[in-house]
Amino acid sequence: MQEEAWEQVGRWSGVCQRFLDWQKQHILGSEQLSPERIERHRACLKWLLRFGRAIYLTASDPDYPDKRLNKELRGRIIQLEHSWRMMHDQLPDSEAEQLIQEVFPE
């Protein structure tokens, strides 16, 4: 059963990598993003995070025998959470301007 779990996590991890590659090319490498593309990014990322977190709940149990799963899942979840913060938890312009003024006063 442990090998089956590892295979499923491996598949999910591969999907995550394809998503991150797509993000790099079509989101980060794009000069203009359409609202549709941003929404597609948000929807895909939400599902990847939900699925990863659900599996991680089991794999992070101290009694779970295969610690490889825990490490693989946690690493991918960190990457996906970073993507979320970068694209969907951005500071409003007014807060960003205030922060810039505080850090770099004239």
C-alpha atoms as a PDB file:
ATOM      1  CA  MET A   1       0.000   0.000   0.000  1.00  0.00           C
ATOM      2  CA  GLN A   2       2.892   2.358   0.710  1.00  0.00           C
ATOM      3  CA  GLU A   3       4.174   2.047  -2.856  1.00  0.00           C
ATOM      4  CA  GLU A   4       0.727   2.910  -4.190  1.00  0.00           C
ATOM      5  CA  ALA A   5       0.661   6.019  -1.998  1.00  0.00           C
ATOM      6  CA  TRP A   6       4.128   6.991  -3.233  1.00  0.00           C
ATOM      7  CA  GLU A   7       2.994   6.566  -6.863  1.00  0.00           C
ATOM      8  CA  GLN A   8      -0.030   8.813  -6.271  1.00  0.00           C
ATOM      9  CA  VAL A   9       2.107  11.483  -4.635  1.00  0.00           C
ATOM     10  CA  GLY A  10       4.571  11.178  -7.509  1.00  0.00           C
ATOM     11  CA  ARG A  11       1.773  11.764 -10.022  1.00  0.00           C
ATOM     12  CA  TRP A  12       0.508  14.768  -8.067  1.00  0.00           C
ATOM     13  CA  SER A  13       4.047  16.136  -7.786  1.00  0.00           C
ATOM     14  CA  GLY A  14       4.429  15.787 -11.562  1.00  0.00           C
ATOM     15  CA  VAL A  15       1.198  17.699 -12.106  1.00  0.00           C
ATOM     16  CA  CYS A  16       2.516  20.398  -9.757  1.00  0.00           C
ATOM     17  CA  GLN A  17       5.732  20.651 -11.773  1.00  0.00           C
ATOM     18  CA  ARG A  18       3.798  20.997 -15.032  1.00  0.00           C
ATOM     19  CA  PHE A  19       1.698  23.721 -13.405  1.00  0.00           C
ATOM     20  CA  LEU A  20       4.823  25.550 -12.198  1.00  0.00           C
ATOM     21  CA  ASP A  21       6.345  25.286 -15.693  1.00  0.00           C
ATOM     22  CA  TRP A  22       3.108  26.650 -17.217  1.00  0.00           C
ATOM     23  CA  GLN A  23       3.099  29.444 -14.619  1.00  0.00           C
ATOM     24  CA  LYS A  24       6.667  30.389 -15.509  1.00  0.00           C
ATOM     25  CA  GLN A  25       5.907  30.562 -19.207  1.00  0.00           C
ATOM     26  CA  HIS A  26       2.364  31.931 -19.302  1.00  0.00           C
ATOM     27  CA  ILE A  27       2.077  33.948 -16.094  1.00  0.00           C
ATOM     28  CA  LEU A  28       5.520  35.130 -15.048  1.00  0.00           C
ATOM     29  CA  GLY A  29       6.765  35.394 -18.633  1.00  0.00           C
ATOM     30  CA  SER A  30       3.752  37.347 -19.852  1.00  0.00           C
ATOM     31  CA  GLU A  31       3.751  41.130 -20.084  1.00  0.00           C
ATOM     32  CA  GLN A  32      -0.032  41.364 -19.978  1.00  0.00           C
ATOM     33  CA  LEU A  33      -2.245  38.943 -18.127  1.00  0.00           C
ATOM     34  CA  SER A  34      -5.892  38.586 -18.942  1.00  0.00           C
ATOM     35  CA  PRO A  35      -8.392  38.249 -16.110  1.00  0.00           C
ATOM     36  CA  GLU A  36      -9.278  34.819 -17.536  1.00  0.00           C
ATOM     37  CA  ARG A  37      -5.690  33.599 -17.304  1.00  0.00           C
ATOM     38  CA  ILE A  38      -5.352  34.894 -13.742  1.00  0.00           C
ATOM     39  CA  GLU A  39      -8.601  33.135 -12.798  1.00  0.00           C
ATOM     40  CA  ARG A  40      -7.407  29.910 -14.453  1.00  0.00           C
ATOM     41  CA  HIS A  41      -4.198  30.159 -12.428  1.00  0.00           C
ATOM     42  CA  ARG A  42      -6.178  30.719  -9.217  1.00  0.00           C
ATOM     43  CA  ALA A  43      -8.552  27.800  -9.857  1.00  0.00           C
ATOM     44  CA  CYS A  44      -5.781  25.320 -10.739  1.00  0.00           C
ATOM     45  CA  LEU A  45      -3.660  26.382  -7.802  1.00  0.00           C
ATOM     46  CA  LYS A  46      -6.560  26.047  -5.363  1.00  0.00           C
ATOM     47  CA  TRP A  47      -7.153  22.442  -6.430  1.00  0.00           C
ATOM     48  CA  LEU A  48      -3.488  21.528  -6.276  1.00  0.00           C
ATOM     49  CA  LEU A  49      -3.222  22.997  -2.785  1.00  0.00           C
ATOM     50  CA  ARG A  50      -6.413  21.306  -1.573  1.00  0.00           C
ATOM     51  CA  PHE A  51      -5.338  17.905  -2.793  1.00  0.00           C
ATOM     52  CA  GLY A  52      -1.786  18.265  -1.491  1.00  0.00           C
ATOM     53  CA  ARG A  53      -2.904  19.440   1.927  1.00  0.00           C
ATOM     54  CA  ALA A  54      -5.419  16.606   2.208  1.00  0.00           C
ATOM     55  CA  ILE A  55      -2.769  13.974   1.509  1.00  0.00           C
ATOM     56  CA  TYR A  56      -0.262  15.791   3.717  1.00  0.00           C
ATOM     57  CA  LEU A  57      -2.591  15.402   6.698  1.00  0.00           C
ATOM     58  CA  THR A  58      -2.119  11.655   6.466  1.00  0.00           C
ATOM     59  CA  ALA A  59       1.563  11.626   5.517  1.00  0.00           C
ATOM     60  CA  SER A  60       2.549  14.020   8.308  1.00  0.00           C
ATOM     61  CA  ASP A  61       1.090  11.761  11.003  1.00  0.00           C
ATOM     62  CA  PRO A  62       4.001  10.684  13.246  1.00  0.00           C
ATOM     63  CA  ASP A  63       2.971   7.040  12.828  1.00  0.00           C
ATOM     64  CA  TYR A  64       2.956   7.166   9.019  1.00  0.00           C
ATOM     65  CA  PRO A  65       5.769   4.821   7.979  1.00  0.00           C
ATOM     66  CA  ASP A  66       7.033   6.452   4.756  1.00  0.00           C
ATOM     67  CA  LYS A  67       8.717   9.786   5.575  1.00  0.00           C
ATOM     68  CA  ARG A  68       9.512  10.378   1.873  1.00  0.00           C
ATOM     69  CA  LEU A  69       5.874  11.293   1.293  1.00  0.00           C
ATOM     70  CA  ASN A  70       5.916  13.909   4.017  1.00  0.00           C
ATOM     71  CA  LYS A  71       9.015  15.608   2.587  1.00  0.00           C
ATOM     72  CA  GLU A  72       7.824  15.525  -1.025  1.00  0.00           C
ATOM     73  CA  LEU A  73       4.381  16.858  -0.144  1.00  0.00           C
ATOM     74  CA  ARG A  74       5.685  19.590   2.139  1.00  0.00           C
ATOM     75  CA  GLY A  75       8.159  20.794  -0.484  1.00  0.00           C
ATOM     76  CA  ARG A  76       5.520  21.020  -3.185  1.00  0.00           C
ATOM     77  CA  ILE A  77       3.015  22.684  -0.864  1.00  0.00           C
ATOM     78  CA  ILE A  78       5.608  25.339  -0.023  1.00  0.00           C
ATOM     79  CA  GLN A  79       6.151  25.985  -3.736  1.00  0.00           C
ATOM     80  CA  LEU A  80       2.418  26.242  -4.380  1.00  0.00           C
ATOM     81  CA  GLU A  81       1.850  28.519  -1.391  1.00  0.00           C
ATOM     82  CA  HIS A  82       4.617  30.781  -2.687  1.00  0.00           C
ATOM     83  CA  SER A  83       2.849  30.924  -6.055  1.00  0.00           C
ATOM     84  CA  TRP A  84      -0.398  31.826  -4.308  1.00  0.00           C
ATOM     85  CA  ARG A  85       1.185  34.655  -2.320  1.00  0.00           C
ATOM     86  CA  MET A  86       2.999  35.950  -5.381  1.00  0.00           C
ATOM     87  CA  MET A  87      -0.109  36.074  -7.596  1.00  0.00           C
ATOM     88  CA  HIS A  88      -3.154  36.315  -5.365  1.00  0.00           C
ATOM     89  CA  ASP A  89      -2.106  37.938  -2.072  1.00  0.00           C
ATOM     90  CA  GLN A  90      -0.514  41.045  -3.477  1.00  0.00           C
ATOM     91  CA  LEU A  91      -0.378  44.278  -1.530  1.00  0.00           C
ATOM     92  CA  PRO A  92      -2.740  47.005  -2.684  1.00  0.00           C
ATOM     93  CA  ASP A  93      -0.886  49.857  -4.412  1.00  0.00           C
ATOM     94  CA  SER A  94      -1.480  52.219  -1.488  1.00  0.00           C
ATOM     95  CA  GLU A  95       0.082  49.775   1.004  1.00  0.00           C
ATOM     96  CA  ALA A  96       2.992  49.053  -1.321  1.00  0.00           C
ATOM     97  CA  GLU A  97       3.673  52.778  -1.733  1.00  0.00           C
ATOM     98  CA  GLN A  98       3.535  53.300   2.043  1.00  0.00           C
ATOM     99  CA  LEU A  99       5.961  50.412   2.584  1.00  0.00           C
ATOM    100  CA  ILE A 100       8.368  51.822  -0.017  1.00  0.00           C
ATOM    101  CA  GLN A 101       8.251  55.229   1.709  1.00  0.00           C
ATOM    102  CA  GLU A 102       8.960  53.654   5.094  1.00  0.00           C
ATOM    103  CA  VAL A 103      11.866  51.554   3.856  1.00  0.00           C
ATOM    104  CA  PHE A 104      13.319  54.150   1.475  1.00  0.00           C
ATOM    105  CA  PRO A 105      12.539  57.607   2.884  1.00  0.00           C
ATOM    106  CA  GLU A 106      13.558  60.480   0.683  1.00  0.00           C
END
